[in-house]
Amino acid sequence: MGKGDRKTRKGKIANKSYGVRRPGHIKRKPTLEEKIRVDKKI
């Protein structure tokens, strides 16, 4: 379990890849205020 193992976090960093163990970008849920603002604009 090290840099050569692509299933581990260290392996993902070494391989420059993303996955379950090392998520790339976390999608942020819009807040309640943002939802209300979007509804009023339309």
Foldseek 3Di string as FASTA:
>chain_A
DACCDCVAPNVCVNVVHADDRHHDDDDDDDDPVVVVVVVVVD
